[in-house]
């Protein structure tokens, strides 16, 4: 009974703190401006299934994708066993599903063990890639001690959880063979039974202690993992699904215009407004572009929490590859760090508090924003459909339209487009002179 009460208390505590973290992150995300998506539901569900669940965009690097798939599917499959552990912990039973599933039960556990080994091997390979081979994208400037430690903590946690699961099954089988009380006979498990001979000479009390220790280590480890998740880059395990669902369906290179500017231009050129557009009310626009996180949409903030910090975006960014300071991954990490800072300030000092800092300038520099070529390679490479370019463009709009800090060459181009309807300085009437020299 004491063990059951302790288990119930642990489960309740884990649920309480996990719920608290979820509500905190939801509140942080909703600091952003409204973002409404209600179109093409079937297409969005399809994208979510293929990209988030099927990991479609991972397979441009097939070996890494296969290892990641093992970790992802293995994590989901092995933790189906959590349902049995929770029921056993609350009721005081042992392997309650064995009686319900009969001969199918060992088949199910054998599948769990296969994926547990697959997760173990994949995690070892990932650890070697990060810490021994030191793949370049894992060691960019923004990948300081904390992000690198976070990745390793998750790898260690998964290795420990899977090892505890296999060791639990190995000692459990040996206890079944010896006819120990409380241990239901289920038959051998394909992988863990290989290690059972190691425990043949152990006394039964020690075996029970080891089996119980591994059982508790596995379940408490999962509880701890669930509560660490909201503070880790591995939150993408959950947020990848809504993020891909709400990702844009337009062609990759299409940029989002500012509605206020688009409406003014259409009115000036006598272009009819669309049904979802309305004429200006005369009220001034609060701000052109993005200066701080309150100017972002909640979708853009959610993207910062969804970021896996894998660095695929930065590894294909032409600005980054040519030595510029821009790293799309750093943009997303900076957004998340600033959101956390603002959220803490609001909680501690109230909504009227101003810390004198902003995303633009204090986190992301003008040099970074100007380095972007708007090629969209980062968004195309992201395995969970994050769009760093949209944030960069919005911040660059603020820099130019509010701060008037465009480079001289850009200002000349803007002037030419306004006066001559082309980036080059010549009369609009001469725009098609080049065609006279083209052979028919």
Protein backbone atom coordinates (compact mmCIF):
# COMPACT_ATOMS: atom_id res chain seq x y z
CA UNK A 1 0.00 0.00 0.00
CA UNK A 2 2.86 2.40 0.80
CA UNK A 3 4.37 1.79 -2.64
CA UNK A 4 1.00 2.47 -4.28
CA UNK A 5 0.57 5.72 -2.35
CA UNK A 6 4.10 6.80 -3.26
CA UNK A 7 3.43 5.98 -6.91
CA UNK A 8 0.13 7.91 -6.92
CA UNK A 9 1.88 10.87 -5.30
CA UNK A 10 4.69 10.79 -7.87
CA UNK A 11 2.21 10.57 -10.75
CA UNK A 12 0.13 13.45 -9.38
CA UNK A 13 3.21 15.61 -8.81
CA UNK A 14 4.49 14.94 -12.33
CA UNK A 15 1.11 15.79 -13.86
CA UNK A 16 0.82 18.98 -11.77
CA UNK A 17 4.21 20.40 -12.72
CA UNK A 18 3.91 19.28 -16.36
CA UNK A 19 0.52 21.02 -16.62
CA UNK A 20 1.97 24.14 -15.02
CA UNK A 21 4.79 24.19 -17.59
CA UNK A 22 2.37 23.69 -20.48
CA UNK A 23 0.22 26.61 -19.30
CA UNK A 24 3.34 28.77 -18.92
CA UNK A 25 4.47 28.09 -22.47
CA UNK A 26 0.95 28.62 -23.81
CA UNK A 27 0.88 32.01 -22.08
CA UNK A 28 4.27 32.90 -23.56
CA UNK A 29 3.14 31.95 -27.06
CA UNK A 30 -0.01 34.05 -26.73
CA UNK A 31 2.09 37.16 -26.03
CA UNK A 32 2.21 37.43 -29.82
CA UNK A 33 -0.31 39.08 -32.11
CA UNK A 34 -3.31 37.15 -33.50
CA UNK A 35 -2.73 34.71 -36.33
CA UNK A 36 -5.74 33.08 -37.92
CA UNK A 37 -5.74 30.03 -40.18
CA UNK A 38 -8.96 28.31 -41.19
CA UNK A 39 -8.41 27.32 -44.81
CA UNK A 40 -7.61 23.96 -46.47
CA UNK A 41 -8.07 21.82 -43.37
CA UNK A 42 -7.52 18.55 -45.24
CA UNK A 43 -4.31 19.84 -46.84
CA UNK A 44 -3.04 21.00 -43.45
CA UNK A 45 -3.78 17.63 -41.83
CA UNK A 46 -1.96 15.91 -44.68
CA UNK A 47 1.07 18.18 -44.22
CA UNK A 48 1.06 17.53 -40.47
CA UNK A 49 0.93 13.75 -40.95
CA UNK A 50 3.71 13.63 -43.54
CA UNK A 51 6.05 16.27 -42.11
CA UNK A 52 5.56 16.00 -38.34
CA UNK A 53 4.68 12.34 -37.90
CA UNK A 54 6.23 10.87 -41.05
CA UNK A 55 9.33 13.11 -40.83
CA UNK A 56 9.22 13.58 -44.58
CA UNK A 57 11.78 16.39 -44.74
CA UNK A 58 14.34 14.48 -42.70
CA UNK A 59 15.01 11.99 -45.48
CA UNK A 60 17.18 14.25 -47.57
CA UNK A 61 19.85 12.84 -45.22
CA UNK A 62 18.66 9.21 -45.12
CA UNK A 63 21.04 7.64 -42.58
CA UNK A 64 20.45 10.31 -39.96
CA UNK A 65 16.74 10.23 -40.77
CA UNK A 66 16.54 6.48 -40.20
CA UNK A 67 18.31 6.76 -36.85
CA UNK A 68 16.04 9.62 -35.82
CA UNK A 69 13.01 7.61 -36.90
CA UNK A 70 14.13 4.74 -34.65
CA UNK A 71 14.43 7.12 -31.71
CA UNK A 72 11.10 8.77 -32.43
CA UNK A 73 9.05 5.64 -33.09
CA UNK A 74 10.91 3.72 -30.40
CA UNK A 75 10.19 6.41 -27.83
CA UNK A 76 6.48 6.30 -28.69
CA UNK A 77 6.24 2.50 -28.85
CA UNK A 78 8.23 1.72 -25.71
CA UNK A 79 6.24 4.25 -23.72
CA UNK A 80 3.02 2.48 -24.64
CA UNK A 81 4.25 0.18 -21.91
CA UNK A 82 3.83 3.16 -19.56
CA UNK A 83 0.10 2.48 -19.50
CA UNK A 84 0.71 -0.94 -17.97
CA UNK A 85 3.26 0.42 -15.51
CA UNK A 86 0.86 3.15 -14.37
CA UNK A 87 -1.96 0.63 -13.85
CA UNK A 88 0.41 -1.75 -12.03
CA UNK A 89 1.69 1.09 -9.86
CA UNK A 90 -1.79 2.22 -8.85
CA UNK A 91 -3.27 -1.24 -8.31
CA UNK A 92 -0.25 -3.07 -6.91
CA UNK A 93 -0.47 -5.71 -9.68
CA UNK A 94 2.44 -6.92 -11.82
CA UNK A 95 2.25 -7.08 -15.63
CA UNK A 96 -1.53 -6.81 -15.59
CA UNK A 97 -1.74 -6.92 -19.40
CA UNK A 98 -0.15 -10.40 -19.46
CA UNK A 99 -3.41 -11.92 -18.24
CA UNK A 100 -5.50 -9.82 -20.59
CA UNK A 101 -3.48 -10.34 -23.78
CA UNK A 102 -2.39 -13.93 -23.30
CA UNK A 103 0.08 -15.22 -25.90
CA UNK A 104 0.15 -11.82 -27.64
CA UNK A 105 1.77 -10.20 -24.59
CA UNK A 106 5.33 -11.56 -25.12
CA UNK A 107 5.06 -10.62 -28.82
CA UNK A 108 4.22 -7.07 -27.79
CA UNK A 109 7.09 -6.88 -25.30
CA UNK A 110 9.49 -8.30 -27.90
CA UNK A 111 8.52 -5.43 -30.22
CA UNK A 112 9.13 -2.99 -27.35
CA UNK A 113 12.56 -4.49 -26.73
CA UNK A 114 13.54 -4.29 -30.41
CA UNK A 115 12.80 -0.59 -30.45
CA UNK A 116 14.51 -0.11 -27.10
CA UNK A 117 17.73 -1.52 -28.57
CA UNK A 118 17.25 0.59 -31.72
CA UNK A 119 16.87 3.72 -29.56
CA UNK A 120 19.98 2.78 -27.57
CA UNK A 121 22.12 2.33 -30.69
CA UNK A 122 20.79 5.49 -32.33
CA UNK A 123 21.45 7.56 -29.20
CA UNK A 124 25.03 6.26 -29.02
CA UNK A 125 25.58 7.23 -32.67
CA UNK A 126 24.08 10.67 -32.08
CA UNK A 127 26.29 11.16 -29.03
CA UNK A 128 29.38 10.25 -31.07
CA UNK A 129 28.36 12.65 -33.86
CA UNK A 130 27.98 15.50 -31.40
CA UNK A 131 30.87 14.91 -29.03
CA UNK A 132 33.51 12.89 -30.89
CA UNK A 133 33.08 13.68 -34.59
CA UNK A 134 31.85 17.18 -33.67
CA UNK A 135 29.70 17.72 -36.75
CA UNK A 136 30.19 21.38 -37.67
CA UNK A 137 26.57 22.53 -37.42
CA UNK A 138 26.43 21.38 -33.80
CA UNK A 139 29.33 23.69 -32.93
CA UNK A 140 28.29 27.01 -34.52
CA UNK A 141 28.76 30.13 -32.39
CA UNK A 142 25.20 30.10 -31.00
CA UNK A 143 25.62 26.50 -29.79
CA UNK A 144 27.14 27.44 -26.47
CA UNK A 145 27.50 25.22 -23.42
CA UNK A 146 23.80 25.20 -22.45
CA UNK A 147 22.35 24.08 -25.84
CA UNK A 148 25.03 21.40 -26.21
CA UNK A 149 24.42 20.18 -22.66
CA UNK A 150 20.67 20.05 -23.28
CA UNK A 151 21.15 17.74 -26.27
CA UNK A 152 23.43 15.44 -24.28
CA UNK A 153 21.08 15.36 -21.28
CA UNK A 154 18.31 14.01 -23.51
CA UNK A 155 20.61 11.41 -25.04
CA UNK A 156 21.77 10.25 -21.60
CA UNK A 157 18.18 10.14 -20.36
CA UNK A 158 17.02 7.98 -23.26
CA UNK A 159 19.99 5.64 -22.87
CA UNK A 160 19.26 5.24 -19.14
CA UNK A 161 15.51 4.73 -19.69
CA UNK A 162 16.00 2.07 -22.37
CA UNK A 163 18.74 0.31 -20.36
CA UNK A 164 16.52 0.24 -17.27
CA UNK A 165 13.69 -1.22 -19.36
CA UNK A 166 15.86 -4.05 -20.73
CA UNK A 167 17.48 -4.79 -17.36
CA UNK A 168 14.05 -4.84 -15.71
CA UNK A 169 12.85 -7.44 -18.22
CA UNK A 170 16.02 -9.54 -17.87
CA UNK A 171 15.77 -9.80 -14.07
CA UNK A 172 11.99 -10.22 -14.30
CA UNK A 173 12.43 -13.29 -16.53
CA UNK A 174 14.98 -14.82 -14.14
CA UNK A 175 12.53 -14.31 -11.27
CA UNK A 176 9.80 -15.99 -13.36
CA UNK A 177 12.06 -19.00 -13.93
CA UNK A 178 12.66 -19.31 -10.19
CA UNK A 179 8.95 -19.08 -9.45
CA UNK A 180 9.25 -15.94 -7.34
CA UNK A 181 5.99 -14.76 -5.80
CA UNK A 182 4.19 -11.91 -7.57
CA UNK A 183 6.09 -12.42 -10.88
CA UNK A 184 3.65 -13.54 -13.60
CA UNK A 185 4.97 -16.17 -15.99
CA UNK A 186 4.99 -14.61 -19.46
CA UNK A 187 7.71 -16.62 -21.18
CA UNK A 188 11.08 -15.31 -22.36
CA UNK A 189 11.63 -12.04 -24.14
CA UNK A 190 13.84 -12.25 -27.21
CA UNK A 191 16.47 -9.64 -26.31
CA UNK A 192 16.45 -9.28 -22.52
CA UNK A 193 16.55 -13.08 -22.01
CA UNK A 194 20.02 -13.02 -23.60
CA UNK A 195 21.25 -11.22 -20.49
CA UNK A 196 19.35 -13.38 -17.99
CA UNK A 197 22.25 -15.89 -17.55
CA UNK A 198 24.25 -13.05 -16.00
CA UNK A 199 21.90 -13.20 -13.03
CA UNK A 200 21.70 -16.99 -12.55
CA UNK A 201 23.91 -17.01 -9.46
CA UNK A 202 22.30 -14.01 -7.79
CA UNK A 203 20.13 -14.63 -4.76
CA UNK A 204 16.44 -14.00 -5.22
CA UNK A 205 16.23 -11.01 -2.86
CA UNK A 206 18.94 -9.15 -4.78
CA UNK A 207 17.20 -9.93 -8.08
CA UNK A 208 13.94 -8.50 -6.75
CA UNK A 209 15.77 -5.38 -5.57
CA UNK A 210 17.37 -4.89 -9.01
CA UNK A 211 14.10 -5.51 -10.85
CA UNK A 212 12.20 -3.09 -8.57
CA UNK A 213 14.97 -0.49 -8.84
CA UNK A 214 14.84 -0.64 -12.66
CA UNK A 215 11.03 -0.48 -12.61
CA UNK A 216 11.04 2.63 -10.44
CA UNK A 217 13.96 4.16 -12.36
CA UNK A 218 12.07 3.73 -15.63
CA UNK A 219 8.79 5.23 -14.46
CA UNK A 220 10.31 8.07 -12.40
CA UNK A 221 12.70 8.77 -15.27
CA UNK A 222 9.76 9.16 -17.64
CA UNK A 223 8.04 11.50 -15.15
CA UNK A 224 11.23 13.58 -14.91
CA UNK A 225 11.63 13.57 -18.70
CA UNK A 226 8.06 14.83 -19.15
CA UNK A 227 8.79 17.76 -16.84
CA UNK A 228 12.19 18.54 -18.39
CA UNK A 229 10.70 18.55 -21.88
CA UNK A 230 9.13 22.07 -21.69
CA UNK A 231 12.55 23.53 -20.87
CA UNK A 232 14.32 21.66 -23.64
CA UNK A 233 14.65 21.87 -27.41
CA UNK A 234 12.92 18.48 -27.43
CA UNK A 235 9.61 20.24 -26.92
CA UNK A 236 9.38 19.83 -30.70
CA UNK A 237 8.19 16.26 -30.00
CA UNK A 238 4.85 17.89 -29.15
CA UNK A 239 4.85 21.25 -30.94
CA UNK A 240 5.91 19.87 -34.32
CA UNK A 241 2.30 18.81 -34.90
CA UNK A 242 0.53 22.17 -34.45
CA UNK A 243 3.46 23.99 -36.05
CA UNK A 244 3.26 21.99 -39.28
CA UNK A 245 -0.54 22.22 -39.27
CA UNK A 246 -0.44 26.02 -39.13
CA UNK A 247 2.50 26.41 -41.53
CA UNK A 248 1.87 28.32 -44.74
CA UNK A 249 0.56 26.52 -47.81
CA UNK A 250 1.64 29.19 -50.31
CA UNK A 251 4.57 28.64 -52.63
CA UNK A 252 7.86 28.65 -50.72
CA UNK A 253 9.14 31.94 -52.14
CA UNK A 254 5.96 33.95 -51.56
CA UNK A 255 6.49 36.69 -48.99
CA UNK A 256 3.82 37.98 -46.65
CA UNK A 257 2.99 41.63 -47.29
CA UNK A 258 1.94 44.03 -44.57
CA UNK A 259 -1.87 44.40 -44.88
CA UNK A 260 -1.75 48.09 -43.91
CA UNK A 261 0.71 48.92 -46.68
CA UNK A 262 -1.03 46.72 -49.26
CA UNK A 263 -4.39 48.37 -48.60
CA UNK A 264 -2.92 51.88 -48.93
CA UNK A 265 -1.20 51.01 -52.21
CA UNK A 266 -4.40 49.54 -53.67
CA UNK A 267 -6.40 52.59 -52.68
CA UNK A 268 -3.80 54.88 -54.20
CA UNK A 269 -3.84 52.93 -57.49
CA UNK A 270 -7.65 52.52 -57.48
CA UNK A 271 -7.35 48.74 -57.26
CA UNK A 272 -10.49 47.12 -55.80
CA UNK A 273 -10.03 45.71 -52.30
CA UNK A 274 -10.62 42.03 -51.61
CA UNK A 275 -13.51 40.92 -49.42
CA UNK A 276 -11.24 40.43 -46.40
CA UNK A 277 -9.64 43.86 -46.81
CA UNK A 278 -11.00 47.15 -45.54
CA UNK A 279 -10.04 50.75 -46.06
CA UNK A 280 -7.88 52.46 -43.45
CA UNK A 281 -9.80 53.82 -40.49
CA UNK A 282 -7.53 56.81 -40.06
CA UNK A 283 -5.91 55.36 -36.96
CA UNK A 284 -2.10 55.24 -37.11
CA UNK A 285 -0.40 51.85 -37.44
CA UNK A 286 1.09 50.90 -34.06
CA UNK A 287 4.37 49.81 -35.60
CA UNK A 288 5.69 48.80 -39.01
CA UNK A 289 7.52 45.51 -38.74
CA UNK A 290 8.87 43.79 -35.64
CA UNK A 291 10.92 45.37 -32.89
CA UNK A 292 10.13 43.07 -29.98
CA UNK A 293 8.28 39.84 -29.34
CA UNK A 294 4.89 41.58 -28.91
CA UNK A 295 5.11 42.50 -32.60
CA UNK A 296 5.45 38.85 -33.66
CA UNK A 297 2.44 36.63 -34.22
CA UNK A 298 1.77 33.80 -31.79
CA UNK A 299 2.62 31.40 -34.62
CA UNK A 300 6.11 32.90 -34.94
CA UNK A 301 6.64 32.59 -31.18
CA UNK A 302 5.42 28.99 -31.29
CA UNK A 303 8.01 28.33 -34.00
CA UNK A 304 10.76 29.45 -31.63
CA UNK A 305 9.61 26.87 -29.09
CA UNK A 306 9.32 24.23 -31.84
CA UNK A 307 12.91 24.75 -33.01
CA UNK A 308 14.90 21.51 -32.71
CA UNK A 309 18.24 23.37 -32.83
CA UNK A 310 19.37 20.81 -35.41
CA UNK A 311 21.13 23.51 -37.44
CA UNK A 312 19.94 22.32 -40.84
CA UNK A 313 18.76 25.85 -41.59
CA UNK A 314 22.14 27.40 -40.81
CA UNK A 315 24.04 24.65 -42.64
CA UNK A 316 22.33 25.59 -45.94
CA UNK A 317 22.21 29.38 -45.40
CA UNK A 318 24.40 31.03 -48.09
CA UNK A 319 25.09 34.00 -45.82
CA UNK A 320 26.30 31.70 -43.05
CA UNK A 321 28.31 29.55 -45.46
CA UNK A 322 30.20 32.61 -46.71
CA UNK A 323 31.19 33.74 -43.24
CA UNK A 324 28.43 36.26 -42.49
CA UNK A 325 27.16 36.59 -38.92
CA UNK A 326 23.65 35.42 -39.82
CA UNK A 327 22.53 32.03 -38.51
CA UNK A 328 18.79 31.27 -38.91
CA UNK A 329 18.99 28.88 -35.96
CA UNK A 330 20.29 31.73 -33.76
CA UNK A 331 17.34 33.89 -34.86
CA UNK A 332 14.89 31.29 -33.52
CA UNK A 333 16.88 30.72 -30.34
CA UNK A 334 17.05 34.49 -29.74
CA UNK A 335 13.28 34.82 -30.15
CA UNK A 336 12.69 32.07 -27.59
CA UNK A 337 15.21 33.57 -25.14
CA UNK A 338 13.63 37.01 -25.44
CA UNK A 339 10.13 35.58 -24.95
CA UNK A 340 11.30 33.85 -21.76
CA UNK A 341 12.87 37.09 -20.54
CA UNK A 342 9.75 39.17 -21.24
CA UNK A 343 7.54 36.53 -19.63
CA UNK A 344 9.66 36.53 -16.46
CA UNK A 345 9.56 40.34 -16.35
CA UNK A 346 5.77 40.35 -16.66
CA UNK A 347 5.36 37.80 -13.89
CA UNK A 348 7.76 39.52 -11.50
CA UNK A 349 7.09 43.20 -12.25
CA UNK A 350 3.66 43.47 -13.87
CA UNK A 351 2.48 44.43 -17.38
CA UNK A 352 3.71 48.04 -17.18
CA UNK A 353 7.36 47.07 -16.66
CA UNK A 354 9.84 48.00 -19.40
CA UNK A 355 13.35 46.58 -19.24
CA UNK A 356 14.70 48.89 -21.94
CA UNK A 357 15.64 45.97 -24.16
CA UNK A 358 14.18 44.57 -27.37
CA UNK A 359 14.60 41.68 -29.78
CA UNK A 360 15.98 44.08 -32.38
CA UNK A 361 19.35 45.40 -31.31
CA UNK A 362 19.81 43.58 -28.01
CA UNK A 363 19.39 40.05 -29.39
CA UNK A 364 19.43 40.28 -33.17
CA UNK A 365 21.73 42.81 -34.80
CA UNK A 366 21.29 44.95 -37.89
CA UNK A 367 24.26 43.15 -39.43
CA UNK A 368 22.48 39.80 -39.13
CA UNK A 369 19.30 41.11 -40.74
CA UNK A 370 21.13 42.73 -43.65
CA UNK A 371 23.10 39.54 -44.33
CA UNK A 372 19.96 37.60 -45.30
CA UNK A 373 19.54 37.05 -49.04
CA UNK A 374 15.83 36.07 -48.68
CA UNK A 375 16.56 32.85 -50.55
CA UNK A 376 14.25 30.78 -48.28
CA UNK A 377 16.79 27.95 -47.98
CA UNK A 378 16.38 27.92 -44.18
CA UNK A 379 12.62 27.44 -44.27
CA UNK A 380 12.94 24.78 -46.96
CA UNK A 381 15.50 22.82 -44.92
CA UNK A 382 13.64 22.89 -41.60
CA UNK A 383 12.26 19.41 -40.76
CA UNK A 384 9.29 20.91 -38.86
CA UNK A 385 8.40 23.80 -41.23
CA UNK A 386 9.78 26.69 -39.17
CA UNK A 387 10.13 29.92 -41.18
CA UNK A 388 13.04 32.07 -39.89
CA UNK A 389 12.85 34.20 -43.06
CA UNK A 390 9.44 35.61 -42.10
CA UNK A 391 10.85 36.91 -38.81
CA UNK A 392 13.95 38.32 -40.51
CA UNK A 393 11.82 40.17 -43.09
CA UNK A 394 9.49 41.58 -40.42
CA UNK A 395 12.44 42.82 -38.38
CA UNK A 396 14.07 44.29 -41.47
CA UNK A 397 10.82 46.15 -42.18
CA UNK A 398 11.05 47.73 -38.74
CA UNK A 399 14.70 48.60 -39.26
CA UNK A 400 13.96 50.34 -42.57
CA UNK A 401 10.45 51.77 -42.10
CA UNK A 402 10.75 52.83 -38.46
CA UNK A 403 14.48 53.36 -37.91
CA UNK A 404 15.39 54.45 -41.48
CA UNK A 405 18.55 52.36 -41.29
CA UNK A 406 18.62 50.93 -44.80
CA UNK A 407 22.03 50.90 -46.53
CA UNK A 408 22.60 53.68 -49.09
CA UNK A 409 22.36 51.26 -52.03
CA UNK A 410 19.00 49.99 -50.75
CA UNK A 411 17.63 53.51 -50.39
CA UNK A 412 18.64 54.25 -53.97
CA UNK A 413 16.83 51.11 -55.11
CA UNK A 414 13.71 52.06 -53.11
CA UNK A 415 13.74 55.51 -54.69
CA UNK A 416 14.09 54.10 -58.18
CA UNK A 417 11.22 51.65 -57.63
CA UNK A 418 9.00 54.45 -56.32
CA UNK A 419 9.79 56.87 -59.13
CA UNK A 420 10.69 54.61 -62.05
CA UNK A 421 8.86 51.38 -61.15
CA UNK A 422 12.13 49.46 -61.47
CA UNK A 423 15.29 49.06 -59.35
CA UNK A 424 17.35 50.82 -62.01
CA UNK A 425 17.54 54.56 -62.63
CA UNK A 426 16.00 55.10 -66.00
CA UNK A 427 12.73 56.42 -67.32
CA UNK A 428 9.71 54.08 -67.23
CA UNK A 429 9.24 54.76 -70.93
CA UNK A 430 12.61 53.15 -71.61
CA UNK A 431 11.95 49.99 -69.65
CA UNK A 432 11.49 47.77 -72.72
CA UNK A 433 14.24 49.20 -74.91
CA UNK A 434 16.23 46.06 -74.32
CA UNK A 435 13.70 44.09 -76.37
CA UNK A 436 14.67 45.96 -79.57
CA UNK A 437 17.97 44.07 -79.65
CA UNK A 438 16.40 40.67 -79.24
CA UNK A 439 16.19 38.57 -82.39
CA UNK A 440 12.63 37.46 -83.15
